Amino acid sequence: MKRLIALALMGLSTLAMADDLKVAQPQPAVEQYTYATDLDIAKVINVSPVADVCGVVPAKMTYEDHQGQRHIIEYRVMGNGCTNG
């Protein structure tokens, strides 16, 4: 019985170490978007919130391409702080 418990604990510790390895992956370099940029987006991971200012502001999107590579792209958007009044 003690051996089964020991084996179970070893299995759990191995899974915990595997999760740590996933976190330790380096962040990809931030790429600047241009109209000529050829995007290959398979899955969007994260999009940064847009600032509440009236003007053009930077935003970032993290995504995976069809080969499973993660990318971060920075682009410009109009802020959410403009009113039509």
C-alpha atoms as a PDB file:
ATOM      1  CA  MET A   1       0.000   0.000   0.000  1.00  0.00           C
ATOM      2  CA  LYS A   2       2.850   2.389   0.845  1.00  0.00           C
ATOM      3  CA  ARG A   3       4.398   1.716  -2.571  1.00  0.00           C
ATOM      4  CA  LEU A   4       1.166   2.671  -4.322  1.00  0.00           C
ATOM      5  CA  ILE A   5       1.009   5.942  -2.414  1.00  0.00           C
ATOM      6  CA  ALA A   6       4.673   6.650  -3.199  1.00  0.00           C
ATOM      7  CA  LEU A   7       4.108   5.941  -6.904  1.00  0.00           C
ATOM      8  CA  ALA A   8       1.046   8.184  -6.953  1.00  0.00           C
ATOM      9  CA  LEU A   9       2.972  11.043  -5.323  1.00  0.00           C
ATOM     10  CA  MET A  10       5.848  10.622  -7.792  1.00  0.00           C
ATOM     11  CA  GLY A  11       3.375  10.779 -10.680  1.00  0.00           C
ATOM     12  CA  LEU A  12       1.814  13.975  -9.337  1.00  0.00           C
ATOM     13  CA  SER A  13       5.214  15.611  -8.852  1.00  0.00           C
ATOM     14  CA  THR A  14       6.157  14.728 -12.433  1.00  0.00           C
ATOM     15  CA  LEU A  15       2.963  16.396 -13.690  1.00  0.00           C
ATOM     16  CA  ALA A  16       3.712  19.491 -11.603  1.00  0.00           C
ATOM     17  CA  MET A  17       7.205  19.719 -13.094  1.00  0.00           C
ATOM     18  CA  ALA A  18       5.736  19.411 -16.615  1.00  0.00           C
ATOM     19  CA  ASP A  19       3.474  22.408 -15.895  1.00  0.00           C
ATOM     20  CA  ASP A  20       6.527  24.408 -14.770  1.00  0.00           C
ATOM     21  CA  LEU A  21       8.248  23.629 -18.065  1.00  0.00           C
ATOM     22  CA  LYS A  22       5.313  25.077 -20.014  1.00  0.00           C
ATOM     23  CA  VAL A  23       5.516  28.333 -18.056  1.00  0.00           C
ATOM     24  CA  ALA A  24       9.277  28.636 -18.617  1.00  0.00           C
ATOM     25  CA  GLN A  25       8.966  29.007 -22.401  1.00  0.00           C
ATOM     26  CA  PRO A  26      10.384  32.330 -23.644  1.00  0.00           C
ATOM     27  CA  GLN A  27       8.026  35.009 -24.917  1.00  0.00           C
ATOM     28  CA  PRO A  28       8.190  35.635 -28.670  1.00  0.00           C
ATOM     29  CA  ALA A  29       9.486  38.981 -29.903  1.00  0.00           C
ATOM     30  CA  VAL A  30       6.850  41.644 -30.560  1.00  0.00           C
ATOM     31  CA  GLU A  31       6.348  42.130 -34.294  1.00  0.00           C
ATOM     32  CA  GLN A  32       5.119  45.446 -35.725  1.00  0.00           C
ATOM     33  CA  TYR A  33       2.118  45.156 -38.046  1.00  0.00           C
ATOM     34  CA  THR A  34       2.142  46.813 -41.455  1.00  0.00           C
ATOM     35  CA  TYR A  35      -0.298  46.459 -44.331  1.00  0.00           C
ATOM     36  CA  ALA A  36       2.257  44.198 -46.036  1.00  0.00           C
ATOM     37  CA  THR A  37       2.409  41.790 -43.061  1.00  0.00           C
ATOM     38  CA  ASP A  38       1.270  38.299 -44.081  1.00  0.00           C
ATOM     39  CA  LEU A  39      -0.682  36.968 -41.094  1.00  0.00           C
ATOM     40  CA  ASP A  40      -1.224  33.241 -40.452  1.00  0.00           C
ATOM     41  CA  ILE A  41      -3.637  33.199 -37.504  1.00  0.00           C
ATOM     42  CA  ALA A  42      -5.015  29.829 -36.416  1.00  0.00           C
ATOM     43  CA  LYS A  43      -5.984  30.772 -32.845  1.00  0.00           C
ATOM     44  CA  VAL A  44      -6.142  34.113 -31.009  1.00  0.00           C
ATOM     45  CA  ILE A  45      -4.783  33.780 -27.460  1.00  0.00           C
ATOM     46  CA  ASN A  46      -5.130  37.342 -26.154  1.00  0.00           C
ATOM     47  CA  VAL A  47      -5.990  40.856 -27.322  1.00  0.00           C
ATOM     48  CA  SER A  48      -4.947  43.806 -25.168  1.00  0.00           C
ATOM     49  CA  PRO A  49      -7.654  46.218 -23.997  1.00  0.00           C
ATOM     50  CA  VAL A  50      -8.015  49.470 -25.952  1.00  0.00           C
ATOM     51  CA  ALA A  51      -7.309  52.649 -23.966  1.00  0.00           C
ATOM     52  CA  ASP A  52     -10.118  55.124 -23.188  1.00  0.00           C
ATOM     53  CA  VAL A  53      -8.531  58.057 -25.028  1.00  0.00           C
ATOM     54  CA  CYS A  54      -9.550  59.876 -28.177  1.00  0.00           C
ATOM     55  CA  GLY A  55      -6.686  59.127 -30.506  1.00  0.00           C
ATOM     56  CA  VAL A  56      -4.652  56.370 -32.072  1.00  0.00           C
ATOM     57  CA  VAL A  57      -3.127  53.999 -29.506  1.00  0.00           C
ATOM     58  CA  PRO A  58      -1.075  50.795 -29.699  1.00  0.00           C
ATOM     59  CA  ALA A  59      -2.686  47.407 -29.104  1.00  0.00           C
ATOM     60  CA  LYS A  60      -1.221  43.895 -29.012  1.00  0.00           C
ATOM     61  CA  MET A  61      -2.541  40.527 -30.068  1.00  0.00           C
ATOM     62  CA  THR A  62      -1.042  37.181 -29.086  1.00  0.00           C
ATOM     63  CA  TYR A  63      -1.871  34.331 -31.454  1.00  0.00           C
ATOM     64  CA  GLU A  64      -0.765  30.908 -32.698  1.00  0.00           C
ATOM     65  CA  ASP A  65      -0.150  30.183 -36.359  1.00  0.00           C
ATOM     66  CA  HIS A  66      -1.089  26.944 -38.139  1.00  0.00           C
ATOM     67  CA  GLN A  67       2.274  25.394 -37.183  1.00  0.00           C
ATOM     68  CA  GLY A  68       1.614  26.010 -33.473  1.00  0.00           C
ATOM     69  CA  GLN A  69       4.126  28.865 -33.142  1.00  0.00           C
ATOM     70  CA  ARG A  70       3.118  31.712 -30.845  1.00  0.00           C
ATOM     71  CA  HIS A  71       3.388  35.321 -32.072  1.00  0.00           C
ATOM     72  CA  ILE A  72       2.780  38.766 -30.574  1.00  0.00           C
ATOM     73  CA  ILE A  73       1.907  41.535 -32.995  1.00  0.00           C
ATOM     74  CA  GLU A  74       1.537  45.222 -32.179  1.00  0.00           C
ATOM     75  CA  TYR A  75      -0.789  47.377 -34.235  1.00  0.00           C
ATOM     76  CA  ARG A  76      -2.522  50.773 -33.970  1.00  0.00           C
ATOM     77  CA  VAL A  77      -6.220  51.274 -33.179  1.00  0.00           C
ATOM     78  CA  MET A  78      -8.486  54.210 -32.438  1.00  0.00           C
ATOM     79  CA  GLY A  79      -9.040  54.631 -28.702  1.00  0.00           C
ATOM     80  CA  ASN A  80     -12.440  54.184 -27.063  1.00  0.00           C
ATOM     81  CA  GLY A  81     -12.583  57.697 -25.587  1.00  0.00           C
ATOM     82  CA  CYS A  82     -14.033  59.608 -28.537  1.00  0.00           C
ATOM     83  CA  THR A  83     -17.600  60.929 -28.491  1.00  0.00           C
ATOM     84  CA  ASN A  84     -19.758  62.167 -31.338  1.00  0.00           C
ATOM     85  CA  GLY A  85     -21.054  65.299 -29.754  1.00  0.00           C
END
